[in-house]
Amino acid sequence: MQIVTSWMEEGIQQGELKIIQRLLTRRIGVITPELQQQLQRLSVTQLEDLAEALLDFSNEADLIAWLQKLQ
């Protein structure tokens, strides 16, 4: 049984977020501060889903549409 504390989960989330931001920047270009804020609010599960989805993105509009589906 693995015990994950909140600070460990936050560290995992921050690590995933950092990688996803790098991949998004490479895929679609500079990410606006507004979009970065939205990304920071995503859960670990949502970040993992985004990591897969971003492979199909070709521009910022694709990211915006993906984020809107979450709401």
N, C-alpha and C. Protein backbone atom coordinates (compact mmCIF):
# COMPACT_ATOMS: atom_id res chain seq x y z
N MET A 1 0.84 -1.18 0.00
CA MET A 1 0.00 0.00 0.00
C MET A 1 0.88 1.23 0.00
N GLN A 2 0.58 2.14 -0.88
CA GLN A 2 1.38 3.35 -1.00
C GLN A 2 0.63 4.53 -0.39
N ILE A 3 1.32 5.25 0.45
CA ILE A 3 0.72 6.42 1.07
C ILE A 3 1.25 7.65 0.36
N VAL A 4 0.35 8.45 -0.18
CA VAL A 4 0.73 9.67 -0.87
C VAL A 4 0.19 10.84 -0.08
N THR A 5 1.09 11.67 0.40
CA THR A 5 0.65 12.84 1.16
C THR A 5 0.34 13.97 0.20
N SER A 6 -0.34 14.98 0.70
CA SER A 6 -0.75 16.09 -0.15
C SER A 6 0.45 16.80 -0.76
N TRP A 7 1.53 16.93 0.01
CA TRP A 7 2.71 17.61 -0.54
C TRP A 7 3.38 16.77 -1.62
N MET A 8 3.30 15.44 -1.50
CA MET A 8 3.84 14.58 -2.54
C MET A 8 3.01 14.69 -3.82
N GLU A 9 1.69 14.70 -3.64
CA GLU A 9 0.80 14.83 -4.79
C GLU A 9 1.00 16.17 -5.48
N GLU A 10 1.18 17.22 -4.69
CA GLU A 10 1.43 18.54 -5.27
C GLU A 10 2.73 18.55 -6.06
N GLY A 11 3.74 17.87 -5.55
CA GLY A 11 5.01 17.77 -6.27
C GLY A 11 4.86 17.03 -7.58
N ILE A 12 4.09 15.96 -7.56
CA ILE A 12 3.82 15.20 -8.78
C ILE A 12 3.08 16.07 -9.78
N GLN A 13 2.07 16.78 -9.30
CA GLN A 13 1.28 17.65 -10.17
C GLN A 13 2.16 18.73 -10.79
N GLN A 14 3.02 19.35 -9.99
CA GLN A 14 3.89 20.40 -10.51
C GLN A 14 4.87 19.86 -11.54
N GLY A 15 5.37 18.66 -11.31
CA GLY A 15 6.28 18.04 -12.27
C GLY A 15 5.59 17.75 -13.59
N GLU A 16 4.39 17.22 -13.52
CA GLU A 16 3.63 16.93 -14.75
C GLU A 16 3.28 18.23 -15.47
N LEU A 17 2.88 19.24 -14.70
CA LEU A 17 2.53 20.52 -15.30
C LEU A 17 3.71 21.12 -16.05
N LYS A 18 4.88 21.04 -15.45
CA LYS A 18 6.08 21.61 -16.07
C LYS A 18 6.38 20.92 -17.42
N ILE A 19 6.28 19.61 -17.42
CA ILE A 19 6.54 18.86 -18.66
C ILE A 19 5.48 19.19 -19.71
N ILE A 20 4.23 19.24 -19.31
CA ILE A 20 3.15 19.52 -20.25
C ILE A 20 3.28 20.93 -20.82
N GLN A 21 3.67 21.89 -19.99
CA GLN A 21 3.87 23.25 -20.49
C GLN A 21 4.98 23.29 -21.54
N ARG A 22 6.03 22.53 -21.30
CA ARG A 22 7.13 22.48 -22.28
C ARG A 22 6.66 21.85 -23.59
N LEU A 23 5.90 20.77 -23.47
CA LEU A 23 5.40 20.10 -24.68
C LEU A 23 4.43 21.00 -25.44
N LEU A 24 3.55 21.68 -24.71
CA LEU A 24 2.60 22.60 -25.36
C LEU A 24 3.33 23.73 -26.06
N THR A 25 4.34 24.29 -25.41
CA THR A 25 5.10 25.38 -26.02
C THR A 25 5.76 24.91 -27.31
N ARG A 26 6.28 23.72 -27.27
CA ARG A 26 6.92 23.17 -28.48
C ARG A 26 5.89 22.88 -29.58
N ARG A 27 4.71 22.45 -29.16
CA ARG A 27 3.67 22.05 -30.11
C ARG A 27 2.92 23.24 -30.70
N ILE A 28 2.51 24.21 -29.84
CA ILE A 28 1.64 25.30 -30.32
C ILE A 28 2.22 26.70 -30.12
N GLY A 29 3.39 26.81 -29.50
CA GLY A 29 4.01 28.12 -29.29
C GLY A 29 3.77 28.63 -27.88
N VAL A 30 4.00 29.91 -27.71
CA VAL A 30 3.91 30.54 -26.39
C VAL A 30 2.50 30.39 -25.81
N ILE A 31 2.44 30.03 -24.53
CA ILE A 31 1.16 29.87 -23.84
C ILE A 31 0.89 31.15 -23.06
N THR A 32 -0.27 31.72 -23.25
CA THR A 32 -0.61 32.98 -22.58
C THR A 32 -0.70 32.77 -21.07
N PRO A 33 -0.49 33.84 -20.30
CA PRO A 33 -0.61 33.71 -18.84
C PRO A 33 -1.99 33.21 -18.39
N GLU A 34 -3.03 33.60 -19.11
CA GLU A 34 -4.39 33.15 -18.77
C GLU A 34 -4.51 31.64 -18.91
N LEU A 35 -3.97 31.11 -20.00
CA LEU A 35 -4.02 29.66 -20.21
C LEU A 35 -3.13 28.95 -19.19
N GLN A 36 -1.99 29.52 -18.86
CA GLN A 36 -1.12 28.93 -17.85
C GLN A 36 -1.85 28.82 -16.51
N GLN A 37 -2.63 29.83 -16.17
CA GLN A 37 -3.40 29.78 -14.92
C GLN A 37 -4.42 28.65 -14.95
N GLN A 38 -5.07 28.47 -16.10
CA GLN A 38 -6.04 27.38 -16.22
C GLN A 38 -5.34 26.03 -16.08
N LEU A 39 -4.17 25.91 -16.66
CA LEU A 39 -3.43 24.65 -16.58
C LEU A 39 -3.03 24.34 -15.14
N GLN A 40 -2.69 25.36 -14.37
CA GLN A 40 -2.28 25.17 -12.99
C GLN A 40 -3.41 24.65 -12.11
N ARG A 41 -4.64 24.87 -12.53
CA ARG A 41 -5.80 24.41 -11.75
C ARG A 41 -6.21 22.98 -12.07
N LEU A 42 -5.57 22.36 -13.05
CA LEU A 42 -5.94 20.99 -13.43
C LEU A 42 -5.43 19.97 -12.42
N SER A 43 -6.20 18.92 -12.25
CA SER A 43 -5.79 17.82 -11.37
C SER A 43 -4.75 16.96 -12.09
N VAL A 44 -4.15 16.05 -11.35
CA VAL A 44 -3.17 15.14 -11.94
C VAL A 44 -3.81 14.33 -13.06
N THR A 45 -5.01 13.83 -12.84
CA THR A 45 -5.71 13.04 -13.85
C THR A 45 -5.97 13.87 -15.11
N GLN A 46 -6.40 15.12 -14.93
CA GLN A 46 -6.66 15.99 -16.07
C GLN A 46 -5.36 16.30 -16.81
N LEU A 47 -4.27 16.49 -16.08
CA LEU A 47 -2.98 16.73 -16.72
C LEU A 47 -2.55 15.53 -17.55
N GLU A 48 -2.80 14.34 -17.03
CA GLU A 48 -2.46 13.13 -17.78
C GLU A 48 -3.30 13.03 -19.05
N ASP A 49 -4.57 13.38 -18.97
CA ASP A 49 -5.43 13.39 -20.16
C ASP A 49 -4.94 14.43 -21.17
N LEU A 50 -4.53 15.59 -20.67
CA LEU A 50 -4.01 16.64 -21.54
C LEU A 50 -2.73 16.20 -22.23
N ALA A 51 -1.89 15.47 -21.52
CA ALA A 51 -0.64 14.99 -22.10
C ALA A 51 -0.89 14.14 -23.35
N GLU A 52 -1.96 13.37 -23.33
CA GLU A 52 -2.32 12.58 -24.51
C GLU A 52 -2.97 13.45 -25.57
N ALA A 53 -3.88 14.30 -25.15
CA ALA A 53 -4.63 15.12 -26.11
C ALA A 53 -3.74 16.08 -26.87
N LEU A 54 -2.73 16.62 -26.22
CA LEU A 54 -1.91 17.64 -26.88
C LEU A 54 -1.15 17.12 -28.09
N LEU A 55 -1.04 15.81 -28.19
CA LEU A 55 -0.38 15.24 -29.36
C LEU A 55 -1.16 15.54 -30.65
N ASP A 56 -2.45 15.82 -30.51
CA ASP A 56 -3.28 16.11 -31.68
C ASP A 56 -3.47 17.62 -31.90
N PHE A 57 -2.96 18.45 -30.99
CA PHE A 57 -3.13 19.89 -31.11
C PHE A 57 -2.25 20.44 -32.23
N SER A 58 -2.79 21.44 -32.94
CA SER A 58 -1.98 22.11 -33.94
C SER A 58 -1.89 23.61 -33.68
N ASN A 59 -2.73 24.12 -32.77
CA ASN A 59 -2.68 25.54 -32.44
C ASN A 59 -3.33 25.80 -31.08
N GLU A 60 -3.27 27.05 -30.65
CA GLU A 60 -3.81 27.43 -29.35
C GLU A 60 -5.30 27.16 -29.25
N ALA A 61 -6.01 27.29 -30.34
CA ALA A 61 -7.46 27.06 -30.33
C ALA A 61 -7.79 25.63 -29.90
N ASP A 62 -6.95 24.69 -30.26
CA ASP A 62 -7.17 23.30 -29.85
C ASP A 62 -7.06 23.16 -28.33
N LEU A 63 -6.09 23.83 -27.73
CA LEU A 63 -5.95 23.80 -26.28
C LEU A 63 -7.15 24.47 -25.61
N ILE A 64 -7.56 25.60 -26.12
CA ILE A 64 -8.71 26.31 -25.56
C ILE A 64 -9.96 25.44 -25.63
N ALA A 65 -10.18 24.81 -26.76
CA ALA A 65 -11.36 23.94 -26.92
C ALA A 65 -11.30 22.77 -25.94
N TRP A 66 -10.12 22.20 -25.75
CA TRP A 66 -9.96 21.08 -24.81
C TRP A 66 -10.30 21.53 -23.39
N LEU A 67 -9.78 22.68 -23.01
CA LEU A 67 -10.05 23.21 -21.67
C LEU A 67 -11.53 23.52 -21.46
N GLN A 68 -12.19 24.01 -22.50
CA GLN A 68 -13.61 24.34 -22.40
C GLN A 68 -14.45 23.08 -22.20
N LYS A 69 -14.03 21.96 -22.75
CA LYS A 69 -14.75 20.71 -22.57
C LYS A 69 -14.76 20.27 -21.11
N LEU A 70 -13.76 20.70 -20.34
CA LEU A 70 -13.70 20.33 -18.93
C LEU A 70 -14.72 21.06 -18.07
N GLN A 71 -15.17 22.19 -18.55
CA GLN A 71 -16.08 23.01 -17.75
C GLN A 71 -17.51 22.59 -17.85
